[in-house]
Amino acid sequence: MSISAAQVKELRDLTGAGMMDCKAALNETNGNMEEAVDWLRKKGISKADKKSGRTAAEGLVAIAGAGHKAVVVELNSETDFVARNDAFQDLVRGIANVALSTDGTIEAVAAATYPASGKPVADTIKDAIATIGENMTLRRAAKLEVEHGVVATYIHNAAGDGIGKLGVLVALKSEGDKAVLTSIGRQVANEIGREVFGSGRRSSSSSGGIGGAIVRGILGSLFRGR
């Protein structure tokens, strides 16, 4: 049967795979979109290991939070085109949600079960590599949790709900009003994000000097306003 350009585009939008691979998949499955997605996945699994040595320097971070705890994960891809793909964005967002129930280490996140696939996160990423055709790497993960207080978050250059290029977590330990703590935490996270990322510094470590000065400035402003 004849495969239209619209079908190829639809499959590419669904999977992020190359146009020629999408056309081949549709030809092999007589235009059945669901079977074509599965064909791409199966065809690509044998190639996934070969792609593992390729540099993955683009990608996104995703943040998931639940009041007193939050986690940030970074999933890298080879190109920004794939990072803008809905399938990739859903994957990194899903990994963050999974990571929230772990201790936040890379090892724990990679081993945790990804609900949509029923497989470990590491194997789910491998399946995505096979389908999309680019190497992907779960590069970093971090989690903050407090027994009493809040963990506020900030996404820099947001690409969608809870995802972007850079992320900040700020934990405030206190038995004070949660709404007030959340407001303060968000201001701190925003200011740290703008200061650190605006100056071009990218690091997974905290910056006590900058953070401390920002916190003092925000708290001083709050108290002066009362």
N, C-alpha and C. Protein backbone atom coordinates (compact mmCIF):
# COMPACT_ATOMS: atom_id res chain seq x y z
N MET A 1 0.83 -1.20 0.00
CA MET A 1 0.00 0.00 0.00
C MET A 1 0.87 1.25 0.00
N SER A 2 0.29 2.36 -0.44
CA SER A 2 1.02 3.62 -0.50
C SER A 2 1.00 4.30 0.87
N ILE A 3 2.19 4.70 1.34
CA ILE A 3 2.31 5.39 2.63
C ILE A 3 2.41 6.88 2.38
N SER A 4 1.54 7.64 3.02
CA SER A 4 1.51 9.10 2.81
C SER A 4 2.51 9.81 3.71
N ALA A 5 2.85 11.03 3.30
CA ALA A 5 3.76 11.86 4.10
C ALA A 5 3.15 12.17 5.46
N ALA A 6 1.82 12.30 5.49
CA ALA A 6 1.13 12.59 6.75
C ALA A 6 1.27 11.44 7.74
N GLN A 7 1.22 10.20 7.23
CA GLN A 7 1.41 9.04 8.10
C GLN A 7 2.83 8.99 8.66
N VAL A 8 3.79 9.28 7.80
CA VAL A 8 5.18 9.29 8.24
C VAL A 8 5.39 10.35 9.32
N LYS A 9 4.82 11.53 9.11
CA LYS A 9 4.94 12.61 10.09
C LYS A 9 4.29 12.23 11.41
N GLU A 10 3.11 11.59 11.33
CA GLU A 10 2.41 11.18 12.56
C GLU A 10 3.25 10.20 13.36
N LEU A 11 3.84 9.23 12.68
CA LEU A 11 4.67 8.23 13.37
C LEU A 11 5.93 8.87 13.93
N ARG A 12 6.49 9.81 13.18
CA ARG A 12 7.69 10.49 13.67
C ARG A 12 7.38 11.33 14.91
N ASP A 13 6.21 11.99 14.90
CA ASP A 13 5.80 12.79 16.06
C ASP A 13 5.57 11.89 17.28
N LEU A 14 5.06 10.68 17.04
CA LEU A 14 4.80 9.74 18.13
C LEU A 14 6.07 9.18 18.74
N THR A 15 7.07 8.91 17.89
CA THR A 15 8.24 8.16 18.35
C THR A 15 9.55 8.96 18.35
N GLY A 16 9.63 10.00 17.51
CA GLY A 16 10.87 10.74 17.39
C GLY A 16 11.87 10.06 16.48
N ALA A 17 11.49 8.91 15.88
CA ALA A 17 12.39 8.18 14.98
C ALA A 17 12.57 8.95 13.67
N GLY A 18 13.63 8.60 12.91
CA GLY A 18 13.91 9.26 11.65
C GLY A 18 12.85 8.98 10.60
N MET A 19 12.77 9.86 9.61
CA MET A 19 11.73 9.73 8.59
C MET A 19 11.84 8.43 7.80
N MET A 20 13.06 8.06 7.44
CA MET A 20 13.23 6.83 6.66
C MET A 20 12.85 5.60 7.48
N ASP A 21 13.20 5.62 8.78
CA ASP A 21 12.83 4.51 9.65
C ASP A 21 11.31 4.43 9.80
N CYS A 22 10.67 5.60 9.91
CA CYS A 22 9.21 5.63 10.05
C CYS A 22 8.53 5.11 8.78
N LYS A 23 9.06 5.50 7.64
CA LYS A 23 8.48 5.03 6.37
C LYS A 23 8.63 3.52 6.24
N ALA A 24 9.83 3.01 6.62
CA ALA A 24 10.07 1.57 6.54
C ALA A 24 9.13 0.82 7.47
N ALA A 25 8.93 1.36 8.67
CA ALA A 25 8.05 0.71 9.65
C ALA A 25 6.62 0.64 9.15
N LEU A 26 6.15 1.71 8.53
CA LEU A 26 4.79 1.75 8.01
C LEU A 26 4.62 0.81 6.81
N ASN A 27 5.65 0.72 5.98
CA ASN A 27 5.61 -0.21 4.85
C ASN A 27 5.55 -1.66 5.33
N GLU A 28 6.34 -1.95 6.38
CA GLU A 28 6.39 -3.31 6.90
C GLU A 28 5.10 -3.71 7.60
N THR A 29 4.35 -2.75 8.08
CA THR A 29 3.13 -3.05 8.85
C THR A 29 1.86 -2.63 8.12
N ASN A 30 1.99 -2.38 6.80
CA ASN A 30 0.83 -2.00 5.98
C ASN A 30 0.09 -0.78 6.51
N GLY A 31 0.86 0.17 7.05
CA GLY A 31 0.28 1.43 7.49
C GLY A 31 -0.37 1.40 8.86
N ASN A 32 -0.25 0.28 9.60
CA ASN A 32 -0.83 0.19 10.94
C ASN A 32 0.06 0.94 11.92
N MET A 33 -0.44 2.06 12.47
CA MET A 33 0.38 2.94 13.29
C MET A 33 0.88 2.24 14.56
N GLU A 34 -0.01 1.52 15.24
CA GLU A 34 0.37 0.86 16.49
C GLU A 34 1.42 -0.21 16.24
N GLU A 35 1.23 -0.99 15.18
CA GLU A 35 2.20 -2.04 14.86
C GLU A 35 3.53 -1.43 14.39
N ALA A 36 3.45 -0.27 13.75
CA ALA A 36 4.67 0.40 13.29
C ALA A 36 5.52 0.87 14.47
N VAL A 37 4.85 1.37 15.52
CA VAL A 37 5.57 1.78 16.73
C VAL A 37 6.29 0.58 17.34
N ASP A 38 5.60 -0.55 17.41
CA ASP A 38 6.19 -1.76 17.97
C ASP A 38 7.32 -2.28 17.08
N TRP A 39 7.14 -2.16 15.77
CA TRP A 39 8.18 -2.59 14.82
C TRP A 39 9.46 -1.78 15.03
N LEU A 40 9.31 -0.48 15.20
CA LEU A 40 10.47 0.38 15.44
C LEU A 40 11.19 -0.01 16.72
N ARG A 41 10.40 -0.31 17.76
CA ARG A 41 11.00 -0.68 19.04
C ARG A 41 11.80 -1.98 18.90
N LYS A 42 11.19 -3.00 18.31
CA LYS A 42 11.86 -4.29 18.17
C LYS A 42 13.08 -4.20 17.26
N LYS A 43 12.93 -3.46 16.17
CA LYS A 43 14.03 -3.32 15.23
C LYS A 43 15.21 -2.59 15.85
N GLY A 44 14.91 -1.67 16.74
CA GLY A 44 15.97 -0.85 17.31
C GLY A 44 16.67 -1.43 18.50
N ILE A 45 16.09 -2.45 19.17
CA ILE A 45 16.70 -3.00 20.38
C ILE A 45 18.11 -3.50 20.12
N SER A 46 18.32 -4.16 18.99
CA SER A 46 19.64 -4.70 18.69
C SER A 46 20.66 -3.60 18.43
N LYS A 47 20.14 -2.39 18.09
CA LYS A 47 21.04 -1.27 17.83
C LYS A 47 21.29 -0.40 19.06
N ALA A 48 20.49 -0.58 20.09
CA ALA A 48 20.57 0.30 21.25
C ALA A 48 21.94 0.25 21.92
N ASP A 49 22.49 -0.94 22.06
CA ASP A 49 23.79 -1.08 22.70
C ASP A 49 24.89 -0.38 21.90
N LYS A 50 24.76 -0.40 20.56
CA LYS A 50 25.76 0.26 19.72
C LYS A 50 25.71 1.77 19.90
N LYS A 51 24.53 2.29 20.23
CA LYS A 51 24.38 3.73 20.39
C LYS A 51 24.87 4.22 21.75
N SER A 52 25.10 3.30 22.69
CA SER A 52 25.41 3.69 24.07
C SER A 52 26.71 4.48 24.18
N GLY A 53 27.60 4.34 23.18
CA GLY A 53 28.86 5.08 23.25
C GLY A 53 28.78 6.47 22.66
N ARG A 54 27.66 6.81 22.07
CA ARG A 54 27.53 8.13 21.45
C ARG A 54 27.21 9.19 22.49
N THR A 55 27.73 10.38 22.26
CA THR A 55 27.57 11.47 23.22
C THR A 55 26.13 11.97 23.28
N ALA A 56 25.61 12.05 24.51
CA ALA A 56 24.26 12.59 24.73
C ALA A 56 24.40 13.83 25.61
N ALA A 57 24.43 15.00 24.97
CA ALA A 57 24.70 16.24 25.70
C ALA A 57 23.50 17.18 25.77
N GLU A 58 22.42 16.83 25.07
CA GLU A 58 21.20 17.63 25.16
C GLU A 58 20.27 16.97 26.17
N GLY A 59 19.02 17.39 26.22
CA GLY A 59 18.07 16.75 27.11
C GLY A 59 17.32 17.72 27.99
N LEU A 60 16.71 17.15 29.04
CA LEU A 60 15.87 17.94 29.94
C LEU A 60 16.00 17.44 31.38
N VAL A 61 15.62 18.30 32.31
CA VAL A 61 15.43 17.88 33.69
C VAL A 61 13.93 17.89 33.98
N ALA A 62 13.54 17.06 34.92
CA ALA A 62 12.15 17.04 35.36
C ALA A 62 12.12 17.02 36.87
N ILE A 63 11.13 17.71 37.44
CA ILE A 63 10.97 17.77 38.89
C ILE A 63 9.61 17.22 39.27
N ALA A 64 9.59 16.42 40.34
CA ALA A 64 8.34 15.94 40.92
C ALA A 64 8.40 16.22 42.41
N GLY A 65 7.28 16.68 42.98
CA GLY A 65 7.28 17.03 44.39
C GLY A 65 6.00 16.64 45.09
N ALA A 66 6.11 16.52 46.42
CA ALA A 66 4.94 16.17 47.23
C ALA A 66 5.03 16.88 48.58
N GLY A 67 5.10 18.21 48.55
CA GLY A 67 5.10 18.99 49.77
C GLY A 67 6.39 18.94 50.55
N HIS A 68 6.60 17.86 51.31
CA HIS A 68 7.78 17.76 52.16
C HIS A 68 8.95 17.07 51.48
N LYS A 69 8.78 16.68 50.20
CA LYS A 69 9.87 16.05 49.46
C LYS A 69 9.75 16.38 47.98
N ALA A 70 10.89 16.36 47.29
CA ALA A 70 10.90 16.61 45.85
C ALA A 70 12.15 15.98 45.27
N VAL A 71 12.10 15.69 43.98
CA VAL A 71 13.22 15.08 43.30
C VAL A 71 13.41 15.74 41.95
N VAL A 72 14.66 15.80 41.49
CA VAL A 72 14.97 16.30 40.15
C VAL A 72 15.81 15.25 39.45
N VAL A 73 15.48 14.97 38.19
CA VAL A 73 16.25 14.01 37.40
C VAL A 73 16.66 14.67 36.08
N GLU A 74 17.76 14.23 35.53
CA GLU A 74 18.23 14.74 34.24
C GLU A 74 18.38 13.58 33.27
N LEU A 75 17.67 13.67 32.14
CA LEU A 75 17.77 12.66 31.08
C LEU A 75 18.34 13.33 29.85
N ASN A 76 19.46 12.82 29.37
CA ASN A 76 20.13 13.41 28.22
C ASN A 76 19.80 12.68 26.92
N SER A 77 19.82 13.43 25.83
CA SER A 77 19.65 12.89 24.48
C SER A 77 20.76 13.47 23.61
N GLU A 78 20.86 12.98 22.39
CA GLU A 78 21.92 13.46 21.50
C GLU A 78 21.59 14.82 20.89
N THR A 79 20.31 15.05 20.62
CA THR A 79 19.93 16.29 19.94
C THR A 79 18.78 16.99 20.66
N ASP A 80 18.68 18.28 20.44
CA ASP A 80 17.59 19.06 21.00
C ASP A 80 16.26 18.70 20.35
N PHE A 81 16.32 18.20 19.10
CA PHE A 81 15.09 17.79 18.42
C PHE A 81 14.37 16.70 19.21
N VAL A 82 15.13 15.71 19.66
CA VAL A 82 14.53 14.62 20.44
C VAL A 82 14.06 15.15 21.80
N ALA A 83 14.81 16.06 22.40
CA ALA A 83 14.42 16.62 23.69
C ALA A 83 13.09 17.36 23.61
N ARG A 84 12.73 17.84 22.43
CA ARG A 84 11.46 18.54 22.23
C ARG A 84 10.33 17.60 21.85
N ASN A 85 10.64 16.32 21.70
CA ASN A 85 9.64 15.32 21.33
C ASN A 85 8.75 14.97 22.51
N ASP A 86 7.45 14.84 22.27
CA ASP A 86 6.51 14.54 23.35
C ASP A 86 6.84 13.24 24.07
N ALA A 87 7.27 12.22 23.30
CA ALA A 87 7.58 10.92 23.91
C ALA A 87 8.75 11.05 24.89
N PHE A 88 9.76 11.82 24.51
CA PHE A 88 10.92 12.02 25.38
C PHE A 88 10.50 12.80 26.63
N GLN A 89 9.70 13.84 26.44
CA GLN A 89 9.27 14.65 27.57
C GLN A 89 8.40 13.86 28.54
N ASP A 90 7.53 13.02 28.00
CA ASP A 90 6.72 12.17 28.87
C ASP A 90 7.59 11.20 29.64
N LEU A 91 8.65 10.72 29.00
CA LEU A 91 9.55 9.76 29.64
C LEU A 91 10.29 10.40 30.82
N VAL A 92 10.88 11.56 30.61
CA VAL A 92 11.65 12.19 31.70
C VAL A 92 10.72 12.62 32.83
N ARG A 93 9.51 13.06 32.48
CA ARG A 93 8.52 13.42 33.50
C ARG A 93 8.11 12.17 34.30
N GLY A 94 7.92 11.08 33.60
CA GLY A 94 7.55 9.84 34.26
C GLY A 94 8.64 9.31 35.16
N ILE A 95 9.90 9.45 34.73
CA ILE A 95 11.03 9.01 35.55
C ILE A 95 11.10 9.81 36.84
N ALA A 96 10.83 11.11 36.76
CA ALA A 96 10.82 11.95 37.97
C ALA A 96 9.76 11.47 38.95
N ASN A 97 8.58 11.15 38.44
CA ASN A 97 7.51 10.66 39.32
C ASN A 97 7.90 9.35 39.98
N VAL A 98 8.58 8.48 39.24
CA VAL A 98 9.06 7.22 39.80
C VAL A 98 10.13 7.49 40.86
N ALA A 99 11.03 8.41 40.55
CA ALA A 99 12.15 8.71 41.45
C ALA A 99 11.69 9.23 42.80
N LEU A 100 10.52 9.83 42.84
CA LEU A 100 10.02 10.41 44.09
C LEU A 100 9.84 9.35 45.18
N SER A 101 9.60 8.11 44.78
CA SER A 101 9.41 7.03 45.75
C SER A 101 10.69 6.26 46.04
N THR A 102 11.83 6.75 45.53
CA THR A 102 13.13 6.13 45.79
C THR A 102 13.95 7.03 46.72
N ASP A 103 15.21 6.63 46.97
CA ASP A 103 16.08 7.48 47.79
C ASP A 103 16.75 8.58 46.96
N GLY A 104 16.46 8.60 45.66
CA GLY A 104 16.97 9.68 44.81
C GLY A 104 18.33 9.43 44.18
N THR A 105 18.96 8.29 44.48
CA THR A 105 20.24 7.98 43.84
C THR A 105 20.00 7.46 42.43
N ILE A 106 21.00 7.63 41.56
CA ILE A 106 20.89 7.15 40.19
C ILE A 106 20.59 5.65 40.16
N GLU A 107 21.29 4.91 41.02
CA GLU A 107 21.13 3.46 41.04
C GLU A 107 19.70 3.06 41.39
N ALA A 108 19.14 3.73 42.39
CA ALA A 108 17.78 3.41 42.83
C ALA A 108 16.75 3.79 41.77
N VAL A 109 16.96 4.95 41.14
CA VAL A 109 16.02 5.39 40.10
C VAL A 109 16.07 4.44 38.90
N ALA A 110 17.27 4.07 38.48
CA ALA A 110 17.42 3.19 37.33
C ALA A 110 16.79 1.82 37.56
N ALA A 111 16.81 1.36 38.81
CA ALA A 111 16.29 0.03 39.14
C ALA A 111 14.79 0.04 39.43
N ALA A 112 14.22 1.22 39.67
CA ALA A 112 12.80 1.31 40.02
C ALA A 112 11.92 0.96 38.81
N THR A 113 10.74 0.43 39.09
CA THR A 113 9.83 0.03 38.01
C THR A 113 9.11 1.23 37.41
N TYR A 114 9.14 1.31 36.09
CA TYR A 114 8.44 2.37 35.36
C TYR A 114 7.03 1.85 35.07
N PRO A 115 5.98 2.47 35.64
CA PRO A 115 4.63 1.92 35.56
C PRO A 115 4.12 1.64 34.14
N ALA A 116 4.40 2.54 33.22
CA ALA A 116 3.85 2.39 31.87
C ALA A 116 4.39 1.18 31.13
N SER A 117 5.62 0.76 31.47
CA SER A 117 6.23 -0.38 30.78
C SER A 117 6.28 -1.63 31.64
N GLY A 118 6.21 -1.45 32.97
CA GLY A 118 6.35 -2.58 33.88
C GLY A 118 7.78 -3.07 33.98
N LYS A 119 8.70 -2.30 33.42
CA LYS A 119 10.12 -2.66 33.43
C LYS A 119 10.91 -1.66 34.28
N PRO A 120 12.16 -2.00 34.66
CA PRO A 120 12.99 -1.01 35.33
C PRO A 120 13.19 0.22 34.46
N VAL A 121 13.42 1.36 35.09
CA VAL A 121 13.64 2.61 34.35
C VAL A 121 14.77 2.44 33.33
N ALA A 122 15.85 1.77 33.72
CA ALA A 122 16.99 1.58 32.82
C ALA A 122 16.58 0.85 31.54
N ASP A 123 15.75 -0.20 31.67
CA ASP A 123 15.30 -0.94 30.50
C ASP A 123 14.30 -0.13 29.68
N THR A 124 13.50 0.69 30.35
CA THR A 124 12.55 1.54 29.65
C THR A 124 13.28 2.57 28.79
N ILE A 125 14.37 3.11 29.33
CA ILE A 125 15.20 4.05 28.55
C ILE A 125 15.81 3.33 27.35
N LYS A 126 16.25 2.10 27.56
CA LYS A 126 16.83 1.32 26.46
C LYS A 126 15.80 1.10 25.36
N ASP A 127 14.56 0.81 25.74
CA ASP A 127 13.49 0.66 24.75
C ASP A 127 13.27 1.96 23.97
N ALA A 128 13.35 3.09 24.70
CA ALA A 128 13.16 4.40 24.05
C ALA A 128 14.30 4.68 23.07
N ILE A 129 15.51 4.27 23.43
CA ILE A 129 16.65 4.42 22.51
C ILE A 129 16.39 3.64 21.24
N ALA A 130 15.86 2.42 21.42
CA ALA A 130 15.58 1.57 20.27
C ALA A 130 14.52 2.17 19.37
N THR A 131 13.50 2.78 19.97
CA THR A 131 12.40 3.34 19.19
C THR A 131 12.78 4.66 18.53
N ILE A 132 13.40 5.54 19.30
CA ILE A 132 13.70 6.89 18.81
C ILE A 132 14.96 6.93 17.95
N GLY A 133 15.93 6.09 18.29
CA GLY A 133 17.13 6.02 17.47
C GLY A 133 18.28 6.90 17.91
N GLU A 134 18.18 7.45 19.11
CA GLU A 134 19.28 8.24 19.67
C GLU A 134 19.68 7.67 21.03
N ASN A 135 20.95 7.86 21.37
CA ASN A 135 21.39 7.46 22.70
C ASN A 135 20.77 8.38 23.75
N MET A 136 20.43 7.81 24.89
CA MET A 136 19.89 8.57 26.02
C MET A 136 20.60 8.11 27.29
N THR A 137 20.80 9.04 28.19
CA THR A 137 21.50 8.73 29.43
C THR A 137 20.80 9.37 30.62
N LEU A 138 20.50 8.55 31.62
CA LEU A 138 20.01 9.10 32.89
C LEU A 138 21.25 9.59 33.63
N ARG A 139 21.48 10.89 33.56
CA ARG A 139 22.77 11.43 34.00
C ARG A 139 22.82 11.71 35.50
N ARG A 140 21.79 12.37 36.02
CA ARG A 140 21.83 12.77 37.43
C ARG A 140 20.45 12.70 38.06
N ALA A 141 20.45 12.56 39.37
CA ALA A 141 19.21 12.61 40.13
C ALA A 141 19.54 13.10 41.54
N ALA A 142 18.62 13.83 42.14
CA ALA A 142 18.80 14.34 43.49
C ALA A 142 17.45 14.45 44.18
N LYS A 143 17.44 14.19 45.47
CA LYS A 143 16.19 14.25 46.22
C LYS A 143 16.41 14.98 47.53
N LEU A 144 15.43 15.80 47.92
CA LEU A 144 15.44 16.47 49.22
C LEU A 144 14.14 16.13 49.93
N GLU A 145 14.24 15.87 51.24
CA GLU A 145 13.06 15.53 52.01
C GLU A 145 13.23 16.04 53.44
N VAL A 146 12.19 16.60 54.00
CA VAL A 146 12.21 17.07 55.38
C VAL A 146 11.01 16.49 56.12
N GLU A 147 11.21 16.20 57.40
CA GLU A 147 10.10 15.67 58.20
C GLU A 147 9.09 16.76 58.50
N HIS A 148 9.60 17.94 58.86
CA HIS A 148 8.75 19.10 59.12
C HIS A 148 9.22 20.25 58.24
N GLY A 149 8.34 20.73 57.39
CA GLY A 149 8.71 21.82 56.49
C GLY A 149 8.24 21.55 55.07
N VAL A 150 8.91 22.19 54.13
CA VAL A 150 8.53 22.05 52.72
C VAL A 150 9.78 21.96 51.85
N VAL A 151 9.61 21.41 50.66
CA VAL A 151 10.66 21.44 49.64
C VAL A 151 10.07 22.17 48.43
N ALA A 152 10.62 23.33 48.15
CA ALA A 152 10.15 24.15 47.03
C ALA A 152 10.99 23.87 45.80
N THR A 153 10.43 24.15 44.62
CA THR A 153 11.11 23.83 43.37
C THR A 153 11.08 25.00 42.39
N TYR A 154 12.00 24.95 41.44
CA TYR A 154 12.05 25.95 40.37
C TYR A 154 12.59 25.30 39.10
N ILE A 155 11.93 25.54 37.98
CA ILE A 155 12.40 25.06 36.68
C ILE A 155 12.82 26.26 35.84
N HIS A 156 14.04 26.23 35.32
CA HIS A 156 14.56 27.31 34.47
C HIS A 156 14.39 26.91 33.01
N ASN A 157 13.94 27.85 32.19
CA ASN A 157 13.68 27.58 30.78
C ASN A 157 12.71 26.42 30.62
N ALA A 158 11.56 26.54 31.25
CA ALA A 158 10.57 25.46 31.24
C ALA A 158 10.15 25.10 29.82
N ALA A 159 10.09 23.78 29.56
CA ALA A 159 9.65 23.29 28.26
C ALA A 159 8.26 22.68 28.35
N GLY A 160 7.71 22.66 29.55
CA GLY A 160 6.40 22.08 29.78
C GLY A 160 6.18 21.94 31.28
N ASP A 161 5.11 21.26 31.66
CA ASP A 161 4.78 21.09 33.07
C ASP A 161 5.84 20.26 33.78
N GLY A 162 6.61 20.90 34.67
CA GLY A 162 7.60 20.19 35.47
C GLY A 162 8.87 19.81 34.76
N ILE A 163 9.09 20.30 33.54
CA ILE A 163 10.30 19.96 32.80
C ILE A 163 10.94 21.21 32.22
N GLY A 164 12.26 21.17 32.08
CA GLY A 164 12.98 22.30 31.52
C GLY A 164 14.45 21.99 31.40
N LYS A 165 15.25 23.02 31.23
CA LYS A 165 16.68 22.82 31.04
C LYS A 165 17.44 22.68 32.36
N LEU A 166 16.97 23.35 33.40
CA LEU A 166 17.68 23.34 34.68
C LEU A 166 16.67 23.37 35.82
N GLY A 167 17.04 22.80 36.97
CA GLY A 167 16.10 22.74 38.08
C GLY A 167 16.74 23.02 39.43
N VAL A 168 15.93 23.52 40.36
CA VAL A 168 16.39 23.85 41.72
C VAL A 168 15.43 23.24 42.74
N LEU A 169 16.00 22.65 43.79
CA LEU A 169 15.22 22.19 44.93
C LEU A 169 15.71 22.95 46.16
N VAL A 170 14.78 23.44 46.98
CA VAL A 170 15.13 24.14 48.21
C VAL A 170 14.30 23.56 49.36
N ALA A 171 14.98 23.03 50.37
CA ALA A 171 14.29 22.46 51.54
C ALA A 171 14.32 23.46 52.69
N LEU A 172 13.16 23.69 53.31
CA LEU A 172 13.06 24.55 54.48
C LEU A 172 12.52 23.72 55.64
N LYS A 173 13.32 23.57 56.68
CA LYS A 173 12.91 22.80 57.85
C LYS A 173 12.26 23.73 58.85
N SER A 174 10.99 23.51 59.14
CA SER A 174 10.28 24.35 60.09
C SER A 174 8.91 23.73 60.37
N GLU A 175 8.38 24.04 61.54
CA GLU A 175 7.02 23.61 61.87
C GLU A 175 6.04 24.78 61.69
N GLY A 176 6.50 25.81 60.99
CA GLY A 176 5.67 26.99 60.75
C GLY A 176 4.61 26.74 59.71
N ASP A 177 3.88 27.80 59.38
CA ASP A 177 2.79 27.74 58.42
C ASP A 177 3.30 27.28 57.06
N LYS A 178 2.68 26.22 56.52
CA LYS A 178 3.15 25.63 55.25
C LYS A 178 3.03 26.61 54.09
N ALA A 179 1.97 27.39 54.07
CA ALA A 179 1.77 28.34 52.97
C ALA A 179 2.88 29.39 52.95
N VAL A 180 3.24 29.87 54.15
CA VAL A 180 4.32 30.87 54.25
C VAL A 180 5.64 30.25 53.84
N LEU A 181 5.91 29.04 54.34
CA LEU A 181 7.15 28.36 54.00
C LEU A 181 7.26 28.10 52.50
N THR A 182 6.15 27.70 51.90
CA THR A 182 6.15 27.45 50.46
C THR A 182 6.44 28.71 49.68
N SER A 183 5.84 29.83 50.10
CA SER A 183 6.09 31.10 49.43
C SER A 183 7.56 31.50 49.52
N ILE A 184 8.12 31.36 50.73
CA ILE A 184 9.54 31.70 50.92
C ILE A 184 10.41 30.77 50.08
N GLY A 185 10.10 29.48 50.14
CA GLY A 185 10.90 28.50 49.41
C GLY A 185 10.91 28.76 47.91
N ARG A 186 9.76 29.12 47.37
CA ARG A 186 9.69 29.39 45.94
C ARG A 186 10.51 30.62 45.56
N GLN A 187 10.47 31.64 46.43
CA GLN A 187 11.27 32.84 46.16
C GLN A 187 12.76 32.51 46.18
N VAL A 188 13.17 31.72 47.18
CA VAL A 188 14.58 31.32 47.29
C VAL A 188 14.99 30.51 46.06
N ALA A 189 14.17 29.53 45.70
CA ALA A 189 14.48 28.68 44.54
C ALA A 189 14.58 29.50 43.26
N ASN A 190 13.65 30.44 43.08
CA ASN A 190 13.68 31.30 41.90
C ASN A 190 14.93 32.15 41.85
N GLU A 191 15.28 32.75 42.98
CA GLU A 191 16.44 33.64 43.02
C GLU A 191 17.73 32.86 42.81
N ILE A 192 17.84 31.69 43.41
CA ILE A 192 19.03 30.86 43.21
C ILE A 192 19.12 30.46 41.74
N GLY A 193 17.99 30.08 41.16
CA GLY A 193 18.00 29.70 39.75
C GLY A 193 18.46 30.83 38.86
N ARG A 194 17.94 32.01 39.09
CA ARG A 194 18.31 33.16 38.25
C ARG A 194 19.77 33.56 38.46
N GLU A 195 20.22 33.49 39.71
CA GLU A 195 21.60 33.88 40.02
C GLU A 195 22.61 32.88 39.46
N VAL A 196 22.40 31.62 39.80
CA VAL A 196 23.36 30.59 39.39
C VAL A 196 23.30 30.33 37.90
N PHE A 197 22.11 30.12 37.36
CA PHE A 197 21.99 29.77 35.96
C PHE A 197 22.12 30.99 35.06
N GLY A 198 21.75 32.14 35.57
CA GLY A 198 21.91 33.36 34.79
C GLY A 198 23.37 33.71 34.57
N SER A 199 24.23 33.28 35.52
CA SER A 199 25.65 33.56 35.39
C SER A 199 26.36 32.50 34.57
N GLY A 200 25.61 31.50 34.11
CA GLY A 200 26.20 30.49 33.23
C GLY A 200 26.83 29.34 33.96
N ARG A 201 26.67 29.26 35.29
CA ARG A 201 27.26 28.15 36.03
C ARG A 201 26.27 27.02 36.15
N ARG A 202 26.68 25.82 35.74
CA ARG A 202 25.81 24.66 35.82
C ARG A 202 26.48 23.64 36.74
N SER A 203 25.82 23.33 37.83
CA SER A 203 26.39 22.40 38.80
C SER A 203 25.29 21.74 39.57
N SER A 204 25.54 20.48 39.98
CA SER A 204 24.56 19.77 40.80
C SER A 204 24.78 20.05 42.27
N SER A 205 25.86 20.73 42.61
CA SER A 205 26.14 21.02 44.01
C SER A 205 25.47 22.32 44.43
N SER A 206 25.30 22.48 45.76
CA SER A 206 24.68 23.70 46.27
C SER A 206 25.70 24.81 46.39
N SER A 207 25.22 26.03 46.44
CA SER A 207 26.10 27.19 46.59
C SER A 207 25.70 27.93 47.85
N GLY A 208 26.37 27.60 48.95
CA GLY A 208 25.99 28.14 50.24
C GLY A 208 26.08 29.65 50.32
N GLY A 209 27.14 30.23 49.73
CA GLY A 209 27.31 31.67 49.82
C GLY A 209 26.19 32.42 49.13
N ILE A 210 25.90 32.05 47.90
CA ILE A 210 24.84 32.71 47.16
C ILE A 210 23.50 32.45 47.82
N GLY A 211 23.24 31.15 48.13
CA GLY A 211 21.97 30.78 48.75
C GLY A 211 21.74 31.49 50.06
N GLY A 212 22.80 31.58 50.88
CA GLY A 212 22.68 32.23 52.18
C GLY A 212 22.35 33.70 52.04
N ALA A 213 23.02 34.38 51.11
CA ALA A 213 22.77 35.81 50.91
C ALA A 213 21.34 36.04 50.41
N ILE A 214 20.89 35.17 49.51
CA ILE A 214 19.53 35.31 48.97
C ILE A 214 18.50 35.10 50.06
N VAL A 215 18.70 34.05 50.87
CA VAL A 215 17.75 33.76 51.96
C VAL A 215 17.67 34.93 52.92
N ARG A 216 18.82 35.48 53.30
CA ARG A 216 18.83 36.62 54.24
C ARG A 216 18.10 37.81 53.64
N GLY A 217 18.33 38.06 52.34
CA GLY A 217 17.67 39.18 51.69
C GLY A 217 16.16 39.02 51.63
N ILE A 218 15.69 37.81 51.31
CA ILE A 218 14.25 37.56 51.22
C ILE A 218 13.61 37.64 52.59
N LEU A 219 14.23 37.02 53.59
CA LEU A 219 13.67 37.05 54.93
C LEU A 219 13.62 38.48 55.47
N GLY A 220 14.68 39.24 55.20
CA GLY A 220 14.70 40.63 55.64
C GLY A 220 13.57 41.44 55.02
N SER A 221 13.35 41.20 53.72
CA SER A 221 12.28 41.88 53.02
C SER A 221 10.91 41.51 53.60
N LEU A 222 10.73 40.23 53.91
CA LEU A 222 9.45 39.77 54.46
C LEU A 222 9.17 40.40 55.81
N PHE A 223 10.20 40.42 56.66
CA PHE A 223 10.00 40.97 58.00
C PHE A 223 9.80 42.49 57.97
N ARG A 224 10.47 43.18 57.04
CA ARG A 224 10.31 44.63 56.93
C ARG A 224 8.89 44.97 56.48
N GLY A 225 8.30 44.04 55.71
CA GLY A 225 6.95 44.30 55.21
C GLY A 225 5.86 44.06 56.23
N ARG A 226 6.22 43.57 57.43
CA ARG A 226 5.21 43.30 58.46
C ARG A 226 5.13 44.42 59.49
